[in-house]
């Protein structure tokens, strides 16, 4: 049974992600945010359900659709918004932007713009955890399109060979950009791909945060106990296009409406009230708190300074050799 306080916190986190991203969409349309921006609206239950099942020091690594995971990990809404605005106060000093959020202090090792790029890094992190024997596990998030990349096969094969403590979570929202997974993958039921590597594969309703949390608690326990890697397919749906520049016209209106009826946030709210875990009044209070935090994050970003020109040369690795005329 998931503790009542945890269920309320999961509601708060999902609502925080939703409201912040709605404001991100507004700021993007006003050209206050630039670059590629991929919203997570609709998929909040996956990040929140999975990440709240972890210890605070279990490494998490992500894709370019990383806003929800960063915030579910406890990332600061102010520094989140400032990063998207390209400000010096951003979590990556304005240099990472939407696709490359990272917060090493919270063991969130960031998003990557390369499809499937996080998967081998997750395996490396898991190998390090195993080598140190520190009882930590790694969670790696990616989309259905990444499971057709060569590096996916290499990474899962290596993870199983070495029995590494890593959980691969595929957020199957059915579309790799605009291509239906049934047109791009010979096996569209992603969890079944685990059998090719001799590891367990599970499928979960990614629109139900309680179901995700319950499964992840069980899987985390087995992986931490030394059982080796596991693949989870969380079936979910993104309500926006692939990115802010994508109108998403390749999807049928009836399909979108069907999935909106399964929205994870009102779904959990109904459960919380129905099971007498909390009240409508408390949920409204949480919503007001989230609205205030969202506006505060935007105000903080708007008032923050731009990075200095000199900062362009900071955080850049360079090896200089004695006698090198270009050093």
Protein backbone atom coordinates (compact mmCIF):
# COMPACT_ATOMS: atom_id res chain seq x y z
CA UNK A 1 0.00 0.00 0.00
CA UNK A 2 1.39 3.39 -1.01
CA UNK A 3 1.38 5.73 2.02
CA UNK A 4 -1.28 8.45 1.95
CA UNK A 5 1.29 11.23 2.25
CA UNK A 6 3.16 9.84 -0.77
CA UNK A 7 -0.01 9.78 -2.85
CA UNK A 8 -0.72 13.43 -2.05
CA UNK A 9 2.89 14.33 -2.87
CA UNK A 10 2.63 12.53 -6.20
CA UNK A 11 -0.44 14.59 -7.01
CA UNK A 12 1.46 17.77 -6.14
CA UNK A 13 4.43 16.81 -8.30
CA UNK A 14 2.30 15.92 -11.33
CA UNK A 15 0.38 19.17 -11.04
CA UNK A 16 3.61 21.14 -10.65
CA UNK A 17 4.99 19.60 -13.84
CA UNK A 18 1.75 20.28 -15.72
CA UNK A 19 1.42 23.92 -14.67
CA UNK A 20 5.06 24.77 -15.25
CA UNK A 21 4.98 23.23 -18.71
CA UNK A 22 1.79 25.07 -19.60
CA UNK A 23 3.63 28.30 -18.77
CA UNK A 24 6.64 27.09 -20.77
CA UNK A 25 4.35 26.71 -23.79
CA UNK A 26 3.09 30.26 -23.30
CA UNK A 27 6.59 31.68 -22.91
CA UNK A 28 7.75 29.79 -26.00
CA UNK A 29 4.90 31.22 -28.07
CA UNK A 30 5.95 34.69 -26.90
CA UNK A 31 9.55 33.91 -27.95
CA UNK A 32 10.78 34.21 -24.38
CA UNK A 33 12.09 30.64 -24.67
CA UNK A 34 14.03 29.47 -27.71
CA UNK A 35 15.57 26.33 -29.08
CA UNK A 36 14.01 22.90 -29.22
CA UNK A 37 11.46 22.36 -26.45
CA UNK A 38 9.68 19.05 -25.90
CA UNK A 39 6.78 19.08 -23.45
CA UNK A 40 5.92 16.21 -21.14
CA UNK A 41 2.24 17.06 -20.72
CA UNK A 42 0.21 13.87 -20.37
CA UNK A 43 3.11 11.64 -19.30
CA UNK A 44 3.58 13.00 -15.77
CA UNK A 45 2.55 9.75 -14.07
CA UNK A 46 5.56 7.87 -15.43
CA UNK A 47 8.25 10.19 -14.08
CA UNK A 48 6.51 10.77 -10.76
CA UNK A 49 5.54 7.15 -10.16
CA UNK A 50 8.98 5.82 -10.99
CA UNK A 51 11.22 8.44 -9.40
CA UNK A 52 9.35 8.56 -6.08
CA UNK A 53 10.04 4.82 -5.73
CA UNK A 54 13.80 5.48 -5.64
CA UNK A 55 16.30 6.46 -2.99
CA UNK A 56 17.51 10.04 -3.21
CA UNK A 57 20.96 8.94 -4.41
CA UNK A 58 19.91 6.48 -7.11
CA UNK A 59 21.19 7.94 -10.40
CA UNK A 60 18.58 8.94 -12.99
CA UNK A 61 19.32 9.71 -16.64
CA UNK A 62 16.96 10.92 -19.29
CA UNK A 63 16.06 11.88 -22.85
CA UNK A 64 15.45 15.32 -24.33
CA UNK A 65 11.85 15.26 -22.96
CA UNK A 66 13.29 15.81 -19.51
CA UNK A 67 11.29 18.54 -17.76
CA UNK A 68 9.04 16.16 -15.84
CA UNK A 69 11.85 13.93 -14.63
CA UNK A 70 13.92 16.90 -13.46
CA UNK A 71 11.01 18.28 -11.44
CA UNK A 72 9.95 14.87 -10.11
CA UNK A 73 13.51 14.45 -8.84
CA UNK A 74 13.04 17.59 -6.75
CA UNK A 75 14.56 20.09 -9.15
CA UNK A 76 14.05 23.77 -8.32
CA UNK A 77 11.18 25.29 -10.38
CA UNK A 78 12.96 28.67 -10.39
CA UNK A 79 16.23 27.30 -11.76
CA UNK A 80 14.25 25.14 -14.19
CA UNK A 81 12.48 28.12 -15.71
CA UNK A 82 15.61 30.25 -15.67
CA UNK A 83 17.46 27.55 -17.61
CA UNK A 84 14.80 27.53 -20.32
CA UNK A 85 15.07 31.31 -20.49
CA UNK A 86 18.84 30.93 -20.99
CA UNK A 87 19.66 32.80 -17.80
CA UNK A 88 22.79 32.63 -15.66
CA UNK A 89 20.69 31.47 -12.69
CA UNK A 90 19.51 28.38 -14.57
CA UNK A 91 20.36 24.92 -13.31
CA UNK A 92 23.03 24.68 -16.04
CA UNK A 93 23.79 28.42 -16.04
CA UNK A 94 21.68 28.89 -19.14
CA UNK A 95 23.89 26.63 -21.27
CA UNK A 96 21.83 23.44 -21.31
CA UNK A 97 18.38 24.63 -22.19
CA UNK A 98 15.30 22.46 -22.39
CA UNK A 99 16.96 19.28 -23.65
CA UNK A 100 19.95 19.14 -21.31
CA UNK A 101 18.70 19.75 -17.80
CA UNK A 102 20.99 18.22 -15.18
CA UNK A 103 21.30 18.39 -11.41
CA UNK A 104 24.18 16.25 -10.19
CA UNK A 105 23.50 17.19 -6.55
CA UNK A 106 20.21 15.31 -6.90
CA UNK A 107 21.83 12.50 -8.89
CA UNK A 108 19.95 13.59 -12.00
CA UNK A 109 22.46 13.15 -14.78
CA UNK A 110 20.52 15.00 -17.37
CA UNK A 111 18.77 14.81 -20.66
CA UNK A 112 20.40 14.23 -24.02
CA UNK A 113 19.36 15.34 -27.48
CA UNK A 114 20.51 12.06 -29.04
CA UNK A 115 17.79 9.43 -29.40
CA UNK A 116 18.88 6.52 -27.21
CA UNK A 117 21.96 8.42 -26.08
CA UNK A 118 21.16 8.04 -22.40
CA UNK A 119 20.96 4.23 -22.52
CA UNK A 120 24.69 3.34 -22.70
CA UNK A 121 25.47 6.08 -20.17
CA UNK A 122 22.99 4.46 -17.80
CA UNK A 123 24.80 1.16 -18.23
CA UNK A 124 28.10 2.86 -17.42
CA UNK A 125 26.61 4.41 -14.29
CA UNK A 126 25.24 1.02 -13.26
CA UNK A 127 28.64 -0.60 -13.81
CA UNK A 128 30.16 2.04 -11.53
CA UNK A 129 27.54 1.33 -8.86
CA UNK A 130 28.25 -2.38 -9.08
CA UNK A 131 32.01 -1.84 -8.96
CA UNK A 132 31.73 0.34 -5.85
CA UNK A 133 29.20 -1.99 -4.24
CA UNK A 134 27.23 0.99 -2.94
CA UNK A 135 23.76 -0.61 -3.20
CA UNK A 136 22.52 2.01 -5.64
CA UNK A 137 20.52 1.37 -8.81
CA UNK A 138 20.19 3.40 -12.00
CA UNK A 139 16.98 4.35 -13.79
CA UNK A 140 17.07 5.28 -17.47
CA UNK A 141 14.12 6.88 -19.29
CA UNK A 142 13.67 6.89 -23.08
CA UNK A 143 10.98 6.76 -25.73
CA UNK A 144 9.78 3.94 -27.97
CA UNK A 145 11.86 5.22 -30.89
CA UNK A 146 15.08 4.58 -28.97
CA UNK A 147 14.41 0.83 -28.91
CA UNK A 148 15.22 0.65 -32.61
CA UNK A 149 18.66 2.17 -32.19
CA UNK A 150 21.75 -0.05 -32.37
CA UNK A 151 23.05 1.28 -29.07
CA UNK A 152 19.88 0.01 -27.36
CA UNK A 153 20.77 -3.58 -28.25
CA UNK A 154 24.40 -3.19 -27.27
CA UNK A 155 23.55 -1.59 -23.93
CA UNK A 156 20.89 -4.10 -22.88
CA UNK A 157 23.11 -7.00 -23.89
CA UNK A 158 25.99 -5.63 -21.81
CA UNK A 159 23.72 -4.86 -18.85
CA UNK A 160 22.44 -8.43 -18.74
CA UNK A 161 25.87 -10.00 -19.26
CA UNK A 162 27.19 -8.12 -16.25
CA UNK A 163 23.91 -8.37 -14.29
CA UNK A 164 23.97 -4.62 -13.72
CA UNK A 165 21.63 -2.75 -11.33
CA UNK A 166 19.71 -0.75 -13.94
CA UNK A 167 16.03 -0.28 -14.75
CA UNK A 168 15.25 0.68 -18.34
CA UNK A 169 11.93 2.55 -18.57
CA UNK A 170 10.48 3.01 -22.04
CA UNK A 171 7.79 5.69 -22.15
CA UNK A 172 5.82 4.35 -25.08
CA UNK A 173 3.64 7.24 -26.25
CA UNK A 174 3.20 5.51 -29.63
CA UNK A 175 4.94 8.13 -31.75
CA UNK A 176 8.60 8.64 -32.61
CA UNK A 177 8.22 12.28 -33.67
CA UNK A 178 5.27 11.65 -36.04
CA UNK A 179 5.80 7.98 -36.89
CA UNK A 180 3.47 5.43 -35.30
CA UNK A 181 5.42 2.76 -33.39
CA UNK A 182 3.57 0.08 -35.37
CA UNK A 183 5.19 1.44 -38.52
CA UNK A 184 8.70 1.74 -37.10
CA UNK A 185 9.11 -1.34 -34.92
CA UNK A 186 8.55 -4.97 -35.91
CA UNK A 187 7.58 -5.61 -32.27
CA UNK A 188 5.52 -2.69 -30.99
CA UNK A 189 4.99 -4.26 -27.53
CA UNK A 190 8.29 -2.97 -26.24
CA UNK A 191 8.38 -4.93 -22.97
CA UNK A 192 8.57 -8.17 -24.97
CA UNK A 193 11.93 -7.08 -26.39
CA UNK A 194 13.41 -7.83 -22.97
CA UNK A 195 13.20 -11.56 -23.69
CA UNK A 196 15.87 -11.16 -26.37
CA UNK A 197 18.36 -10.34 -23.62
CA UNK A 198 17.11 -12.79 -21.00
CA UNK A 199 15.83 -10.07 -18.70
CA UNK A 200 12.34 -9.54 -17.23
CA UNK A 201 10.00 -7.19 -19.10
CA UNK A 202 6.90 -5.55 -17.64
CA UNK A 203 4.12 -3.42 -19.07
CA UNK A 204 2.28 -0.84 -16.97
CA UNK A 205 -0.44 1.76 -17.49
CA UNK A 206 1.62 4.93 -17.72
CA UNK A 207 -1.46 7.08 -17.17
CA UNK A 208 -1.95 5.64 -13.67
CA UNK A 209 0.65 6.99 -11.25
CA UNK A 210 -0.28 4.51 -8.52
CA UNK A 211 0.20 1.56 -10.88
CA UNK A 212 3.59 2.91 -11.99
CA UNK A 213 4.68 3.50 -8.40
CA UNK A 214 3.59 0.04 -7.26
CA UNK A 215 5.38 -1.77 -10.08
CA UNK A 216 8.52 0.33 -9.69
CA UNK A 217 8.66 -0.35 -5.95
CA UNK A 218 8.64 -4.08 -6.67
CA UNK A 219 11.19 -3.84 -9.46
CA UNK A 220 13.49 -1.54 -7.48
CA UNK A 221 13.54 -4.06 -4.65
CA UNK A 222 14.55 -6.96 -6.92
CA UNK A 223 17.16 -4.98 -8.87
CA UNK A 224 18.69 -3.58 -5.69
CA UNK A 225 18.80 -7.12 -4.39
CA UNK A 226 21.11 -8.17 -7.22
CA UNK A 227 18.66 -9.69 -9.71
CA UNK A 228 20.10 -7.72 -12.64
CA UNK A 229 18.50 -5.36 -15.17
CA UNK A 230 14.79 -5.00 -15.91
CA UNK A 231 12.82 -3.38 -18.74
CA UNK A 232 9.55 -1.56 -18.05
CA UNK A 233 7.25 -0.34 -20.80
CA UNK A 234 5.00 2.45 -19.54
CA UNK A 235 2.16 2.95 -22.01
CA UNK A 236 1.32 6.64 -22.06
CA UNK A 237 0.37 9.55 -24.31
CA UNK A 238 1.78 13.01 -24.87
CA UNK A 239 -0.94 15.59 -25.36
CA UNK A 240 1.25 18.01 -27.33
CA UNK A 241 3.17 17.47 -30.54
CA UNK A 242 6.68 16.04 -30.53
CA UNK A 243 8.08 19.52 -29.91
CA UNK A 244 6.70 23.04 -29.70
CA UNK A 245 7.02 23.38 -33.48
CA UNK A 246 4.99 20.23 -34.17
CA UNK A 247 1.19 20.69 -34.53
CA UNK A 248 0.68 16.93 -34.22
CA UNK A 249 -1.70 16.64 -37.16
CA UNK A 250 -0.70 13.03 -37.80
CA UNK A 251 -2.88 11.92 -34.87
CA UNK A 252 -6.64 11.42 -35.08
CA UNK A 253 -8.75 13.78 -33.00
CA UNK A 254 -10.76 10.86 -31.61
CA UNK A 255 -7.53 9.23 -30.41
CA UNK A 256 -6.44 12.39 -28.61
CA UNK A 257 -9.83 12.80 -26.95
CA UNK A 258 -9.79 9.19 -25.78
CA UNK A 259 -6.43 9.60 -24.06
CA UNK A 260 -7.35 12.95 -22.53
CA UNK A 261 -10.14 11.16 -20.69
CA UNK A 262 -7.39 9.11 -19.03
CA UNK A 263 -5.48 12.18 -17.81
CA UNK A 264 -3.37 11.01 -14.83
CA UNK A 265 -3.89 14.14 -12.72
CA UNK A 266 -7.72 14.20 -12.36
CA UNK A 267 -7.56 10.41 -12.22
CA UNK A 268 -5.44 10.54 -9.07
CA UNK A 269 -7.47 13.41 -7.64
CA UNK A 270 -10.62 11.32 -7.93
CA UNK A 271 -8.90 8.40 -6.20
CA UNK A 272 -7.55 10.56 -3.38
CA UNK A 273 -10.97 11.99 -2.56
CA UNK A 274 -12.83 8.74 -3.17
CA UNK A 275 -10.54 6.82 -0.82
CA UNK A 276 -10.81 9.58 1.81
CA UNK A 277 -7.06 10.19 1.66
CA UNK A 278 -7.62 13.92 1.31
CA UNK A 279 -10.35 16.42 0.52
CA UNK A 280 -11.33 18.57 -2.43
CA UNK A 281 -10.46 21.61 -0.32
CA UNK A 282 -6.90 20.38 0.22
CA UNK A 283 -6.48 19.64 -3.49
CA UNK A 284 -7.65 23.16 -4.33
CA UNK A 285 -5.18 24.50 -1.79
CA UNK A 286 -2.37 22.54 -3.46
CA UNK A 287 -3.40 23.93 -6.83
CA UNK A 288 -3.21 27.49 -5.50
CA UNK A 289 0.24 26.77 -4.08
CA UNK A 290 1.36 25.38 -7.45
CA UNK A 291 -0.02 28.38 -9.32
CA UNK A 292 1.93 30.70 -7.01
CA UNK A 293 5.12 28.66 -7.41
CA UNK A 294 4.72 28.71 -11.20
CA UNK A 295 4.32 32.47 -11.36
CA UNK A 296 7.24 32.90 -8.99
CA UNK A 297 9.41 30.73 -11.26
CA UNK A 298 8.52 32.83 -14.31
CA UNK A 299 9.17 36.08 -12.43
CA UNK A 300 12.52 34.76 -11.22
CA UNK A 301 13.54 33.79 -14.75
CA UNK A 302 12.49 37.13 -16.19
CA UNK A 303 14.44 39.10 -13.58
CA UNK A 304 17.58 36.96 -13.76
CA UNK A 305 20.72 38.16 -15.56
CA UNK A 306 21.91 36.80 -18.87
CA UNK A 307 25.19 34.85 -18.84
CA UNK A 308 28.24 37.06 -19.23
CA UNK A 309 30.19 36.86 -22.50
CA UNK A 310 33.13 35.49 -20.52
CA UNK A 311 31.07 32.50 -19.39
CA UNK A 312 31.23 31.19 -22.94
CA UNK A 313 34.72 29.93 -22.12
CA UNK A 314 33.77 28.36 -18.79
CA UNK A 315 32.77 24.72 -18.25
CA UNK A 316 34.71 23.70 -21.36
CA UNK A 317 37.22 20.86 -21.06
CA UNK A 318 40.55 21.50 -22.73
CA UNK A 319 43.87 19.70 -22.50
CA UNK A 320 46.92 21.87 -22.98
CA UNK A 321 50.29 20.30 -23.60
CA UNK A 322 53.62 22.04 -22.85
CA UNK A 323 55.14 23.45 -25.98
CA UNK A 324 51.88 23.38 -27.94
CA UNK A 325 51.88 26.66 -29.95
CA UNK A 326 48.06 26.65 -29.84
CA UNK A 327 47.86 26.23 -26.05
